[in-house]
Structure formats: C-alpha cells, structure tokens
Amino acid sequence: FGERYIGSYDSAEDWARAVGEDFDWELQLDRKLDAQLRPFVTIDYAKVVRDGRQTWDIVDGADGKTHVFMR
C-alpha cells in the first residue's frame, strides 16, 4: 500500500493539476507559445483524469477526497 500510494487530493482534477505542476506544463506553454496565442491554449485536465484512470488507480474515498495509487 505505502509503495503504491501517490497522494490524496480534493478532486481528481486537483490531482491532474498537481501532475501538470510537477511537469511544468503551464510554464512550458508560456515559453513555447506566442503571447497572443497563449490565452486561447489550455490543458484539458478532465481528459488528463480520464486518461490517467487507465494507468493509475484514482479512487473517490468515503472521506470526500480522491486517493491516487500506482498500479
């Protein structure tokens, strides 16, 4: 259990945003995109969650938190 546990988050999307922060996704977009285009380009964190469920165990707990585990 302890080796597979990643963390607990307020929601699955909060987990996806934490992953994005770990990999500096927003910063990379800021650096690579023209400033005029950047406001129109966003990361679909809901899709990150949907795709993440295929390779991670993302569990909505009875405590209202989302718990994430490696498979």
C-alpha atoms as a PDB file:
ATOM      1  CA  PHE A   1       0.000   0.000   0.000  1.00  0.00           C
ATOM      2  CA  GLY A   2       2.639   2.514   1.048  1.00  0.00           C
ATOM      3  CA  GLU A   3       4.772   1.876  -2.024  1.00  0.00           C
ATOM      4  CA  ARG A   4       1.858   2.472  -4.417  1.00  0.00           C
ATOM      5  CA  TYR A   5       0.211   5.428  -2.685  1.00  0.00           C
ATOM      6  CA  ILE A   6       0.763   8.722  -4.515  1.00  0.00           C
ATOM      7  CA  GLY A   7      -1.404  11.077  -2.502  1.00  0.00           C
ATOM      8  CA  SER A   8      -4.837  12.409  -1.618  1.00  0.00           C
ATOM      9  CA  TYR A   9      -6.447  15.380  -3.316  1.00  0.00           C
ATOM     10  CA  ASP A  10      -9.669  17.353  -3.062  1.00  0.00           C
ATOM     11  CA  SER A  11     -10.672  16.055  -6.506  1.00  0.00           C
ATOM     12  CA  ALA A  12      -9.326  14.021  -9.402  1.00  0.00           C
ATOM     13  CA  GLU A  13      -8.814  17.241 -11.335  1.00  0.00           C
ATOM     14  CA  ASP A  14      -6.717  18.599  -8.459  1.00  0.00           C
ATOM     15  CA  TRP A  15      -4.521  15.519  -8.869  1.00  0.00           C
ATOM     16  CA  ALA A  16      -4.223  16.192 -12.624  1.00  0.00           C
ATOM     17  CA  ARG A  17      -3.260  19.809 -11.947  1.00  0.00           C
ATOM     18  CA  ALA A  18      -0.626  18.640  -9.445  1.00  0.00           C
ATOM     19  CA  VAL A  19       0.841  16.377 -12.136  1.00  0.00           C
ATOM     20  CA  GLY A  20       0.865  19.346 -14.507  1.00  0.00           C
ATOM     21  CA  GLU A  21       2.682  21.434 -11.907  1.00  0.00           C
ATOM     22  CA  ASP A  22       5.253  18.680 -11.383  1.00  0.00           C
ATOM     23  CA  PHE A  23       5.991  18.671 -15.110  1.00  0.00           C
ATOM     24  CA  ASP A  24       5.677  22.464 -15.556  1.00  0.00           C
ATOM     25  CA  TRP A  25       3.067  22.091 -18.294  1.00  0.00           C
ATOM     26  CA  GLU A  26       1.742  25.638 -17.951  1.00  0.00           C
ATOM     27  CA  LEU A  27       5.247  27.091 -17.857  1.00  0.00           C
ATOM     28  CA  GLN A  28       6.173  25.148 -20.983  1.00  0.00           C
ATOM     29  CA  LEU A  29       3.123  26.536 -22.766  1.00  0.00           C
ATOM     30  CA  ASP A  30       4.080  30.047 -21.648  1.00  0.00           C
ATOM     31  CA  ARG A  31       7.577  29.596 -23.038  1.00  0.00           C
ATOM     32  CA  LYS A  32       6.678  27.945 -26.324  1.00  0.00           C
ATOM     33  CA  LEU A  33       3.588  29.839 -27.426  1.00  0.00           C
ATOM     34  CA  ASP A  34       3.277  33.353 -28.720  1.00  0.00           C
ATOM     35  CA  ALA A  35       1.861  35.655 -26.031  1.00  0.00           C
ATOM     36  CA  GLN A  36      -1.149  36.487 -28.210  1.00  0.00           C
ATOM     37  CA  LEU A  37      -1.997  32.810 -28.692  1.00  0.00           C
ATOM     38  CA  ARG A  38      -1.345  31.645 -25.132  1.00  0.00           C
ATOM     39  CA  PRO A  39      -4.672  32.820 -23.609  1.00  0.00           C
ATOM     40  CA  PHE A  40      -6.503  30.525 -26.028  1.00  0.00           C
ATOM     41  CA  VAL A  41      -4.478  27.367 -25.321  1.00  0.00           C
ATOM     42  CA  THR A  42      -5.400  25.379 -22.218  1.00  0.00           C
ATOM     43  CA  ILE A  43      -4.742  21.935 -20.844  1.00  0.00           C
ATOM     44  CA  ASP A  44      -7.794  19.698 -20.637  1.00  0.00           C
ATOM     45  CA  TYR A  45      -7.309  18.444 -17.079  1.00  0.00           C
ATOM     46  CA  ALA A  46     -10.569  16.463 -17.206  1.00  0.00           C
ATOM     47  CA  LYS A  47      -9.064  14.471 -20.095  1.00  0.00           C
ATOM     48  CA  VAL A  48      -5.853  14.016 -18.112  1.00  0.00           C
ATOM     49  CA  VAL A  49      -8.009  12.404 -15.413  1.00  0.00           C
ATOM     50  CA  ARG A  50      -9.868  10.197 -17.927  1.00  0.00           C
ATOM     51  CA  ASP A  51      -6.598   9.031 -19.467  1.00  0.00           C
ATOM     52  CA  GLY A  52      -4.973   8.698 -16.053  1.00  0.00           C
ATOM     53  CA  ARG A  53      -7.648   6.267 -14.896  1.00  0.00           C
ATOM     54  CA  GLN A  54      -6.317   3.811 -17.484  1.00  0.00           C
ATOM     55  CA  THR A  55      -2.905   3.576 -15.824  1.00  0.00           C
ATOM     56  CA  TRP A  56      -3.470   4.800 -12.244  1.00  0.00           C
ATOM     57  CA  ASP A  57      -5.985   3.825  -9.591  1.00  0.00           C
ATOM     58  CA  ILE A  58      -7.883   7.039  -8.870  1.00  0.00           C
ATOM     59  CA  VAL A  59     -10.380   6.341  -6.115  1.00  0.00           C
ATOM     60  CA  ASP A  60     -13.067   8.634  -4.721  1.00  0.00           C
ATOM     61  CA  GLY A  61     -12.928   7.966  -0.986  1.00  0.00           C
ATOM     62  CA  ALA A  62     -15.710   7.985   1.579  1.00  0.00           C
ATOM     63  CA  ASP A  63     -13.892  10.941   3.163  1.00  0.00           C
ATOM     64  CA  GLY A  64     -14.655  13.115   0.125  1.00  0.00           C
ATOM     65  CA  LYS A  65     -11.042  13.022  -1.083  1.00  0.00           C
ATOM     66  CA  THR A  66      -9.599  11.464  -4.218  1.00  0.00           C
ATOM     67  CA  HIS A  67      -6.836   8.955  -3.477  1.00  0.00           C
ATOM     68  CA  VAL A  68      -4.293   8.058  -6.166  1.00  0.00           C
ATOM     69  CA  PHE A  69      -2.234   4.875  -6.404  1.00  0.00           C
ATOM     70  CA  MET A  70       0.228   3.465  -8.939  1.00  0.00           C
ATOM     71  CA  ARG A  71      -0.795   0.155 -10.447  1.00  0.00           C
END
